[in-house]
Amino acid sequence: MSSQGVDLKKRRMLITATAGVGAVGAGFALVPFISYWQPSARAKALGAPEEADIS
């Protein structure tokens, strides 16, 4: 181990960079789960308005 002091600027930069990469990764990991909340094509078709010819 070195007898030099800890470089606090470098430590802060590494912590910030790690947190940023983690946040981006978490965002990408959430995309599939959020897309499951969207209705499927079948559900959209079931909820579509009906058309009737009343002439």
Protein backbone atom coordinates (compact mmCIF):
# COMPACT_ATOMS: atom_id res chain seq x y z
CA MET A 1 0.00 0.00 0.00
CA SER A 2 1.24 3.46 -0.81
CA SER A 3 2.12 6.04 1.80
CA GLN A 4 0.59 8.78 -0.36
CA GLY A 5 -2.72 10.39 0.58
CA VAL A 6 -6.01 9.59 -1.08
CA ASP A 7 -6.83 11.66 -4.17
CA LEU A 8 -10.31 12.89 -3.22
CA LYS A 9 -10.98 14.51 -6.61
CA LYS A 10 -10.29 11.25 -8.42
CA ARG A 11 -12.39 9.30 -5.93
CA ARG A 12 -15.33 11.70 -6.37
CA MET A 13 -15.04 11.50 -10.17
CA LEU A 14 -15.01 7.68 -10.08
CA ILE A 15 -18.03 7.57 -7.76
CA THR A 16 -19.93 9.98 -10.02
CA ALA A 17 -19.02 8.04 -13.16
CA THR A 18 -20.02 4.74 -11.57
CA ALA A 19 -23.35 6.17 -10.42
CA GLY A 20 -24.00 7.58 -13.90
CA VAL A 21 -23.27 4.28 -15.63
CA GLY A 22 -25.45 2.48 -13.08
CA ALA A 23 -28.35 4.88 -13.66
CA VAL A 24 -28.14 4.44 -17.43
CA GLY A 25 -28.01 0.66 -17.02
CA ALA A 26 -31.03 0.69 -14.72
CA GLY A 27 -32.92 2.79 -17.27
CA PHE A 28 -32.18 0.31 -20.04
CA ALA A 29 -33.15 -2.59 -17.77
CA LEU A 30 -36.55 -0.99 -17.08
CA VAL A 31 -37.50 -0.57 -20.76
CA PRO A 32 -38.86 -4.13 -21.21
CA PHE A 33 -40.93 -3.90 -18.03
CA ILE A 34 -42.43 -0.58 -19.07
CA SER A 35 -43.26 -1.94 -22.52
CA TYR A 36 -45.30 -4.75 -20.89
CA TRP A 37 -47.69 -2.11 -19.56
CA GLN A 38 -48.70 -1.17 -23.10
CA PRO A 39 -51.81 -2.95 -24.35
CA SER A 40 -51.25 -5.70 -26.90
CA ALA A 41 -52.64 -5.58 -30.44
CA ARG A 42 -55.34 -8.05 -29.38
CA ALA A 43 -56.40 -5.87 -26.45
CA LYS A 44 -56.44 -2.80 -28.68
CA ALA A 45 -58.64 -4.65 -31.18
CA LEU A 46 -61.06 -5.73 -28.45
CA GLY A 47 -61.35 -2.16 -27.21
CA ALA A 48 -61.72 -0.62 -30.67
CA PRO A 49 -64.98 1.15 -31.52
CA GLU A 50 -67.53 -0.85 -33.46
CA GLU A 51 -68.80 0.42 -36.78
CA ALA A 52 -72.40 -0.14 -37.81
CA ASP A 53 -74.22 0.82 -41.00
CA ILE A 54 -77.54 2.28 -39.88
CA SER A 55 -78.66 3.59 -43.24
